[in-house]
Amino acid sequence: MLTGRQSKILEILLNNVQGMTGAQLSERLEVSSRTIRNEIGEINRIWNEEESIIKASRRTGYYIEEFADILHRIFEEQKDI
């Protein structure tokens, strides 16, 4: 089960397909960059141990690639509840 902050990180990344740096995420959520790294690591562990849902690139920062459509649907369904 994801925490509220982890859900917010996913939501932010889904709405920023170009990616966001750890510094941008930490500023937006008012937490440290280390907290962002830890939360993203935990999200990836929860999602799937074999393949990460949140990818990282030095050029674009953190981004979600393959599962974006699925996650959008999940978030929309949760908002309706």
Protein backbone atom coordinates (compact mmCIF):
# COMPACT_ATOMS: atom_id res chain seq x y z
CA MET A 1 0.00 0.00 0.00
CA LEU A 2 1.35 3.41 -0.96
CA THR A 3 1.56 6.31 1.45
CA GLY A 4 -0.02 9.64 0.61
CA ARG A 5 3.36 11.11 -0.32
CA GLN A 6 4.18 8.15 -2.56
CA SER A 7 0.83 8.52 -4.32
CA LYS A 8 1.52 12.23 -4.77
CA ILE A 9 4.93 11.48 -6.32
CA LEU A 10 3.27 9.12 -8.81
CA GLU A 11 0.59 11.66 -9.60
CA ILE A 12 3.15 14.43 -10.17
CA LEU A 13 5.27 12.25 -12.46
CA LEU A 14 2.23 11.09 -14.42
CA ASN A 15 1.34 14.71 -15.08
CA ASN A 16 4.92 15.63 -16.06
CA VAL A 17 5.79 13.18 -18.81
CA GLN A 18 9.00 15.07 -19.61
CA GLY A 19 10.30 14.07 -16.17
CA MET A 20 11.24 15.93 -13.00
CA THR A 21 14.48 16.11 -11.09
CA GLY A 22 14.74 15.03 -7.49
CA ALA A 23 15.29 18.68 -6.55
CA GLN A 24 12.07 19.72 -8.31
CA LEU A 25 10.09 16.97 -6.60
CA SER A 26 11.58 17.74 -3.20
CA GLU A 27 10.78 21.43 -3.57
CA ARG A 28 7.22 20.71 -4.67
CA LEU A 29 6.59 18.28 -1.80
CA GLU A 30 8.64 20.27 0.72
CA VAL A 31 10.88 17.35 1.68
CA SER A 32 14.56 16.56 1.16
CA SER A 33 16.02 15.04 -2.00
CA ARG A 34 17.00 12.03 0.13
CA THR A 35 13.34 11.54 1.11
CA ILE A 36 12.39 11.62 -2.58
CA ARG A 37 15.02 8.97 -3.39
CA ASN A 38 13.84 6.78 -0.53
CA GLU A 39 10.17 7.14 -1.49
CA ILE A 40 10.86 6.36 -5.15
CA GLY A 41 12.89 3.31 -4.11
CA GLU A 42 9.99 2.12 -1.97
CA ILE A 43 7.44 2.73 -4.76
CA ASN A 44 9.57 0.66 -7.11
CA ARG A 45 9.86 -2.14 -4.53
CA ILE A 46 6.12 -2.17 -3.95
CA TRP A 47 5.30 -2.11 -7.66
CA ASN A 48 7.56 -4.87 -8.89
CA GLU A 49 10.87 -6.21 -7.72
CA GLU A 50 11.97 -7.09 -11.26
CA GLU A 51 11.21 -3.84 -13.07
CA SER A 52 10.99 -0.29 -11.74
CA ILE A 53 7.91 1.78 -12.46
CA ILE A 54 9.79 5.05 -11.94
CA LYS A 55 12.89 5.36 -14.08
CA ALA A 56 15.74 7.81 -13.57
CA SER A 57 17.86 9.65 -16.08
CA ARG A 58 20.56 12.23 -15.52
CA ARG A 59 19.12 14.18 -18.42
CA THR A 60 15.39 14.17 -17.58
CA GLY A 61 15.27 13.22 -13.91
CA TYR A 62 12.58 10.82 -12.71
CA TYR A 63 9.88 9.69 -15.12
CA ILE A 64 7.26 7.01 -15.67
CA GLU A 65 7.32 5.27 -19.00
CA GLU A 66 5.59 1.97 -19.57
CA PHE A 67 2.78 1.95 -17.03
CA ALA A 68 1.50 5.51 -17.36
CA ASP A 69 -1.86 4.56 -18.89
CA ILE A 70 -2.57 1.97 -16.20
CA LEU A 71 -1.65 4.36 -13.41
CA HIS A 72 -3.80 7.15 -14.84
CA ARG A 73 -6.80 4.82 -14.73
CA ILE A 74 -6.04 3.74 -11.16
CA PHE A 75 -5.80 7.34 -9.96
CA GLU A 76 -9.02 8.31 -11.72
CA GLU A 77 -10.84 5.37 -10.12
CA GLN A 78 -9.53 6.33 -6.66
CA LYS A 79 -10.77 9.90 -7.11
CA ASP A 80 -14.26 8.58 -7.86
CA ILE A 81 -14.39 6.59 -4.60
